[in-house]
Amino acid sequence: MGDKIRSFIAVDIGRVPELLKFVKALRDIDSDLKFVKLDNLHITLKFLGDIDEELVPEIESFMRKAVEGHGPFEMDLKGTGVFPNYKRISVVWAGLEKTEVLADIADKLNNNLTMMGFRQERRGFSPHITIARVGNTLDTIGLPETVKKFENLEFTTLKVERIILKKSELTPKGPIYSDVVTVEL
């Protein structure tokens, strides 16, 4: 077996200027939040975990099958929320609408990659962009109110043109992502 890489399949969002007001509002409250770097914003379609690098060509083949019949499309970045709920917040996210194509691609990846031995995701696909994780779930004073202020805000429209197999290197300063394979729609 070859080298292992921690990986996932995603749509890159990158820096979205319209989200800065929300991020600033979150930074202004006194909660233990660990922010995703704005350049690292993405939508995870399928988390793979540690994989052998030699599996990349086969994964790429499944990625190509998942996007067959889909060209570039647009989604709306709208609203905010938390996982799992406002009583015990662990993740703060920005929401997405018009995600039918994205959900179809994610479902195909989820179903088809089980043929390679990857675990089938039991929860339905929940398209979102993670903005921050809560370090101490007991330290969320002001967080629910701040998130709710933006829950119906329309941020922008995003264009999706590709999906990417990404490598994730965990470091003390946060994850470092790099692209392994890009598949155009």
C-alpha atoms as a PDB file:
ATOM      1  CA  MET A   1       0.000   0.000   0.000  1.00  0.00           C
ATOM      2  CA  GLY A   2       1.144   3.546  -0.769  1.00  0.00           C
ATOM      3  CA  ASP A   3       1.157   6.722   1.241  1.00  0.00           C
ATOM      4  CA  LYS A   4      -2.050   7.697   3.037  1.00  0.00           C
ATOM      5  CA  ILE A   5      -3.695  11.077   2.634  1.00  0.00           C
ATOM      6  CA  ARG A   6      -6.612  12.488   4.643  1.00  0.00           C
ATOM      7  CA  SER A   7      -9.122  13.538   2.005  1.00  0.00           C
ATOM      8  CA  PHE A   8     -12.585  14.710   1.070  1.00  0.00           C
ATOM      9  CA  ILE A   9     -14.483  15.730  -2.056  1.00  0.00           C
ATOM     10  CA  ALA A  10     -15.724  19.312  -2.060  1.00  0.00           C
ATOM     11  CA  VAL A  11     -16.775  22.417  -3.904  1.00  0.00           C
ATOM     12  CA  ASP A  12     -14.436  25.315  -3.173  1.00  0.00           C
ATOM     13  CA  ILE A  13     -16.132  28.546  -2.196  1.00  0.00           C
ATOM     14  CA  GLY A  14     -13.082  30.582  -1.308  1.00  0.00           C
ATOM     15  CA  ARG A  15     -13.289  34.118   0.006  1.00  0.00           C
ATOM     16  CA  VAL A  16     -16.844  35.493  -0.123  1.00  0.00           C
ATOM     17  CA  PRO A  17     -16.793  39.238   0.704  1.00  0.00           C
ATOM     18  CA  GLU A  18     -20.516  39.206   1.514  1.00  0.00           C
ATOM     19  CA  LEU A  19     -19.829  36.877   4.482  1.00  0.00           C
ATOM     20  CA  LEU A  20     -17.384  39.297   6.135  1.00  0.00           C
ATOM     21  CA  LYS A  21     -20.115  41.176   8.033  1.00  0.00           C
ATOM     22  CA  PHE A  22     -21.357  37.882   9.534  1.00  0.00           C
ATOM     23  CA  VAL A  23     -17.822  36.757  10.433  1.00  0.00           C
ATOM     24  CA  LYS A  24     -17.068  40.152  12.018  1.00  0.00           C
ATOM     25  CA  ALA A  25     -20.262  39.957  14.104  1.00  0.00           C
ATOM     26  CA  LEU A  26     -19.213  36.497  15.325  1.00  0.00           C
ATOM     27  CA  ARG A  27     -15.705  37.732  16.168  1.00  0.00           C
ATOM     28  CA  ASP A  28     -17.198  40.590  18.201  1.00  0.00           C
ATOM     29  CA  ILE A  29     -18.911  38.259  20.686  1.00  0.00           C
ATOM     30  CA  ASP A  30     -17.093  36.557  23.526  1.00  0.00           C
ATOM     31  CA  SER A  31     -17.457  32.900  22.515  1.00  0.00           C
ATOM     32  CA  ASP A  32     -14.811  30.223  22.046  1.00  0.00           C
ATOM     33  CA  LEU A  33     -14.956  30.023  18.236  1.00  0.00           C
ATOM     34  CA  LYS A  34     -12.402  28.508  15.876  1.00  0.00           C
ATOM     35  CA  PHE A  35     -12.973  30.130  12.487  1.00  0.00           C
ATOM     36  CA  VAL A  36     -12.454  28.476   9.131  1.00  0.00           C
ATOM     37  CA  LYS A  37      -9.971  30.580   7.170  1.00  0.00           C
ATOM     38  CA  LEU A  38     -11.926  32.557   4.584  1.00  0.00           C
ATOM     39  CA  ASP A  39      -9.762  31.157   1.785  1.00  0.00           C
ATOM     40  CA  ASN A  40     -10.625  27.598   2.921  1.00  0.00           C
ATOM     41  CA  LEU A  41     -14.420  27.884   2.737  1.00  0.00           C
ATOM     42  CA  HIS A  42     -15.924  24.886   0.955  1.00  0.00           C
ATOM     43  CA  ILE A  43     -18.919  22.570   0.775  1.00  0.00           C
ATOM     44  CA  THR A  44     -18.046  18.986   1.656  1.00  0.00           C
ATOM     45  CA  LEU A  45     -19.735  16.524  -0.686  1.00  0.00           C
ATOM     46  CA  LYS A  46     -18.122  13.375   0.711  1.00  0.00           C
ATOM     47  CA  PHE A  47     -15.580  12.890   3.504  1.00  0.00           C
ATOM     48  CA  LEU A  48     -13.272   9.987   2.667  1.00  0.00           C
ATOM     49  CA  GLY A  49     -10.835   9.999   5.585  1.00  0.00           C
ATOM     50  CA  ASP A  50      -7.400   8.420   5.192  1.00  0.00           C
ATOM     51  CA  ILE A  51      -6.997   6.916   1.727  1.00  0.00           C
ATOM     52  CA  ASP A  52      -4.128   5.285  -0.140  1.00  0.00           C
ATOM     53  CA  GLU A  53      -2.811   7.655  -2.805  1.00  0.00           C
ATOM     54  CA  GLU A  54      -2.968   4.830  -5.339  1.00  0.00           C
ATOM     55  CA  LEU A  55      -6.801   4.947  -5.083  1.00  0.00           C
ATOM     56  CA  VAL A  56      -6.920   8.503  -6.495  1.00  0.00           C
ATOM     57  CA  PRO A  57      -7.465   7.479 -10.154  1.00  0.00           C
ATOM     58  CA  GLU A  58     -10.419   5.245  -9.206  1.00  0.00           C
ATOM     59  CA  ILE A  59     -11.908   7.993  -7.006  1.00  0.00           C
ATOM     60  CA  GLU A  60     -11.489  10.442  -9.885  1.00  0.00           C
ATOM     61  CA  SER A  61     -13.437   8.055 -12.120  1.00  0.00           C
ATOM     62  CA  PHE A  62     -16.349   8.040  -9.653  1.00  0.00           C
ATOM     63  CA  MET A  63     -16.165  11.840  -9.425  1.00  0.00           C
ATOM     64  CA  ARG A  64     -16.481  12.073 -13.220  1.00  0.00           C
ATOM     65  CA  LYS A  65     -19.501   9.730 -13.188  1.00  0.00           C
ATOM     66  CA  ALA A  66     -21.150  11.805 -10.437  1.00  0.00           C
ATOM     67  CA  VAL A  67     -21.048  15.018 -12.494  1.00  0.00           C
ATOM     68  CA  GLU A  68     -22.113  13.420 -15.805  1.00  0.00           C
ATOM     69  CA  GLY A  69     -25.011  15.344 -17.312  1.00  0.00           C
ATOM     70  CA  HIS A  70     -24.425  18.389 -15.118  1.00  0.00           C
ATOM     71  CA  GLY A  71     -22.933  21.608 -16.402  1.00  0.00           C
ATOM     72  CA  PRO A  72     -21.940  24.601 -14.280  1.00  0.00           C
ATOM     73  CA  PHE A  73     -24.807  25.844 -12.085  1.00  0.00           C
ATOM     74  CA  GLU A  74     -25.607  28.543  -9.535  1.00  0.00           C
ATOM     75  CA  MET A  75     -26.683  28.338  -5.899  1.00  0.00           C
ATOM     76  CA  ASP A  76     -27.755  31.035  -3.489  1.00  0.00           C
ATOM     77  CA  LEU A  77     -25.707  31.597  -0.338  1.00  0.00           C
ATOM     78  CA  LYS A  78     -28.469  32.510   2.083  1.00  0.00           C
ATOM     79  CA  GLY A  79     -29.045  32.388   5.804  1.00  0.00           C
ATOM     80  CA  THR A  80     -27.156  31.110   8.808  1.00  0.00           C
ATOM     81  CA  GLY A  81     -27.623  28.443  11.445  1.00  0.00           C
ATOM     82  CA  VAL A  82     -25.950  26.015  13.816  1.00  0.00           C
ATOM     83  CA  PHE A  83     -25.427  22.291  14.323  1.00  0.00           C
ATOM     84  CA  PRO A  84     -26.748  20.378  16.158  1.00  0.00           C
ATOM     85  CA  ASN A  85     -29.058  22.977  17.778  1.00  0.00           C
ATOM     86  CA  TYR A  86     -29.062  26.312  19.623  1.00  0.00           C
ATOM     87  CA  LYS A  87     -28.897  24.646  23.064  1.00  0.00           C
ATOM     88  CA  ARG A  88     -25.618  22.864  22.274  1.00  0.00           C
ATOM     89  CA  ILE A  89     -23.878  24.618  19.393  1.00  0.00           C
ATOM     90  CA  SER A  90     -20.844  22.904  17.880  1.00  0.00           C
ATOM     91  CA  VAL A  91     -20.810  24.379  14.332  1.00  0.00           C
ATOM     92  CA  VAL A  92     -21.868  27.753  12.911  1.00  0.00           C
ATOM     93  CA  TRP A  93     -22.737  27.656   9.219  1.00  0.00           C
ATOM     94  CA  ALA A  94     -23.980  29.679   6.260  1.00  0.00           C
ATOM     95  CA  GLY A  95     -26.792  28.117   4.266  1.00  0.00           C
ATOM     96  CA  LEU A  96     -27.373  27.346   0.613  1.00  0.00           C
ATOM     97  CA  GLU A  97     -30.463  27.303  -1.594  1.00  0.00           C
ATOM     98  CA  LYS A  98     -31.069  25.924  -5.101  1.00  0.00           C
ATOM     99  CA  THR A  99     -28.914  22.911  -4.241  1.00  0.00           C
ATOM    100  CA  GLU A 100     -30.718  20.159  -6.187  1.00  0.00           C
ATOM    101  CA  VAL A 101     -27.804  19.584  -8.599  1.00  0.00           C
ATOM    102  CA  LEU A 102     -25.298  19.639  -5.742  1.00  0.00           C
ATOM    103  CA  ALA A 103     -27.405  17.142  -3.777  1.00  0.00           C
ATOM    104  CA  ASP A 104     -27.584  14.853  -6.822  1.00  0.00           C
ATOM    105  CA  ILE A 105     -23.789  14.902  -7.195  1.00  0.00           C
ATOM    106  CA  ALA A 106     -23.291  14.269  -3.457  1.00  0.00           C
ATOM    107  CA  ASP A 107     -25.781  11.366  -3.504  1.00  0.00           C
ATOM    108  CA  LYS A 108     -24.036   9.769  -6.485  1.00  0.00           C
ATOM    109  CA  LEU A 109     -20.653  10.105  -4.773  1.00  0.00           C
ATOM    110  CA  ASN A 110     -22.039   8.668  -1.533  1.00  0.00           C
ATOM    111  CA  ASN A 111     -23.681   5.701  -3.257  1.00  0.00           C
ATOM    112  CA  ASN A 112     -20.971   4.914  -5.813  1.00  0.00           C
ATOM    113  CA  LEU A 113     -17.961   5.220  -3.507  1.00  0.00           C
ATOM    114  CA  THR A 114     -19.383   2.455  -1.294  1.00  0.00           C
ATOM    115  CA  MET A 115     -18.229   0.108  -4.099  1.00  0.00           C
ATOM    116  CA  MET A 116     -14.684   1.053  -3.072  1.00  0.00           C
ATOM    117  CA  GLY A 117     -15.413   0.324   0.571  1.00  0.00           C
ATOM    118  CA  PHE A 118     -16.141   3.864   1.741  1.00  0.00           C
ATOM    119  CA  ARG A 119     -18.791   4.158   4.428  1.00  0.00           C
ATOM    120  CA  GLN A 120     -22.266   5.102   3.205  1.00  0.00           C
ATOM    121  CA  GLU A 121     -23.387   8.363   4.831  1.00  0.00           C
ATOM    122  CA  ARG A 122     -26.663   7.617   6.599  1.00  0.00           C
ATOM    123  CA  ARG A 123     -27.687  11.222   7.190  1.00  0.00           C
ATOM    124  CA  GLY A 124     -29.103  13.037   4.218  1.00  0.00           C
ATOM    125  CA  PHE A 125     -26.875  15.561   2.460  1.00  0.00           C
ATOM    126  CA  SER A 126     -27.115  18.902   4.273  1.00  0.00           C
ATOM    127  CA  PRO A 127     -25.474  21.545   2.065  1.00  0.00           C
ATOM    128  CA  HIS A 128     -23.814  24.246   4.144  1.00  0.00           C
ATOM    129  CA  ILE A 129     -20.572  26.150   4.547  1.00  0.00           C
ATOM    130  CA  THR A 130     -18.917  25.779   7.945  1.00  0.00           C
ATOM    131  CA  ILE A 131     -17.903  29.227   9.202  1.00  0.00           C
ATOM    132  CA  ALA A 132     -16.698  28.330  12.708  1.00  0.00           C
ATOM    133  CA  ARG A 133     -16.537  25.508  15.230  1.00  0.00           C
ATOM    134  CA  VAL A 134     -17.234  26.017  18.904  1.00  0.00           C
ATOM    135  CA  GLY A 135     -14.282  25.087  21.110  1.00  0.00           C
ATOM    136  CA  ASN A 136     -16.204  24.985  24.386  1.00  0.00           C
ATOM    137  CA  THR A 137     -19.892  24.236  23.819  1.00  0.00           C
ATOM    138  CA  LEU A 138     -20.697  25.789  27.213  1.00  0.00           C
ATOM    139  CA  ASP A 139     -19.139  29.105  26.139  1.00  0.00           C
ATOM    140  CA  THR A 140     -21.700  30.403  23.633  1.00  0.00           C
ATOM    141  CA  ILE A 141     -22.965  33.604  25.274  1.00  0.00           C
ATOM    142  CA  GLY A 142     -24.383  35.875  22.586  1.00  0.00           C
ATOM    143  CA  LEU A 143     -23.837  33.309  19.849  1.00  0.00           C
ATOM    144  CA  PRO A 144     -27.455  32.228  19.218  1.00  0.00           C
ATOM    145  CA  GLU A 145     -28.662  35.835  18.994  1.00  0.00           C
ATOM    146  CA  THR A 146     -25.854  36.796  16.599  1.00  0.00           C
ATOM    147  CA  VAL A 147     -26.455  33.833  14.286  1.00  0.00           C
ATOM    148  CA  LYS A 148     -30.230  34.480  14.265  1.00  0.00           C
ATOM    149  CA  LYS A 149     -29.668  38.086  13.115  1.00  0.00           C
ATOM    150  CA  PHE A 150     -28.360  36.695   9.800  1.00  0.00           C
ATOM    151  CA  GLU A 151     -30.626  33.648   9.446  1.00  0.00           C
ATOM    152  CA  ASN A 152     -32.640  35.083   6.540  1.00  0.00           C
ATOM    153  CA  LEU A 153     -29.972  37.252   4.917  1.00  0.00           C
ATOM    154  CA  GLU A 154     -29.244  36.689   1.229  1.00  0.00           C
ATOM    155  CA  PHE A 155     -25.447  36.895   0.909  1.00  0.00           C
ATOM    156  CA  THR A 156     -24.737  36.228  -2.785  1.00  0.00           C
ATOM    157  CA  THR A 157     -25.049  33.788  -5.682  1.00  0.00           C
ATOM    158  CA  LEU A 158     -22.277  31.227  -6.130  1.00  0.00           C
ATOM    159  CA  LYS A 159     -21.321  29.556  -9.399  1.00  0.00           C
ATOM    160  CA  VAL A 160     -20.251  25.912  -9.208  1.00  0.00           C
ATOM    161  CA  GLU A 161     -17.999  24.785 -12.050  1.00  0.00           C
ATOM    162  CA  ARG A 162     -15.998  21.906 -10.575  1.00  0.00           C
ATOM    163  CA  ILE A 163     -15.659  19.409  -7.749  1.00  0.00           C
ATOM    164  CA  ILE A 164     -12.304  18.724  -6.128  1.00  0.00           C
ATOM    165  CA  LEU A 165     -10.665  15.845  -4.292  1.00  0.00           C
ATOM    166  CA  LYS A 166      -8.822  17.677  -1.520  1.00  0.00           C
ATOM    167  CA  LYS A 167      -6.021  16.625   0.773  1.00  0.00           C
ATOM    168  CA  SER A 168      -6.261  17.856   4.357  1.00  0.00           C
ATOM    169  CA  GLU A 169      -3.151  18.139   6.519  1.00  0.00           C
ATOM    170  CA  LEU A 170      -4.011  18.814  10.150  1.00  0.00           C
ATOM    171  CA  THR A 171      -1.668  21.282  11.876  1.00  0.00           C
ATOM    172  CA  PRO A 172      -1.784  23.105  15.236  1.00  0.00           C
ATOM    173  CA  LYS A 173      -2.702  26.293  13.331  1.00  0.00           C
ATOM    174  CA  GLY A 174      -5.575  24.590  11.513  1.00  0.00           C
ATOM    175  CA  PRO A 175      -5.935  22.387   8.450  1.00  0.00           C
ATOM    176  CA  ILE A 176      -4.004  23.005   5.261  1.00  0.00           C
ATOM    177  CA  TYR A 177      -5.941  21.990   2.147  1.00  0.00           C
ATOM    178  CA  SER A 178      -4.460  21.185  -1.240  1.00  0.00           C
ATOM    179  CA  ASP A 179      -6.120  20.037  -4.453  1.00  0.00           C
ATOM    180  CA  VAL A 180      -5.400  16.483  -5.584  1.00  0.00           C
ATOM    181  CA  VAL A 181      -7.842  16.125  -8.503  1.00  0.00           C
ATOM    182  CA  THR A 182     -10.206  18.641 -10.103  1.00  0.00           C
ATOM    183  CA  VAL A 183     -13.207  17.508 -12.154  1.00  0.00           C
ATOM    184  CA  GLU A 184     -14.952  20.158 -14.267  1.00  0.00           C
ATOM    185  CA  LEU A 185     -18.722  20.141 -14.699  1.00  0.00           C
END
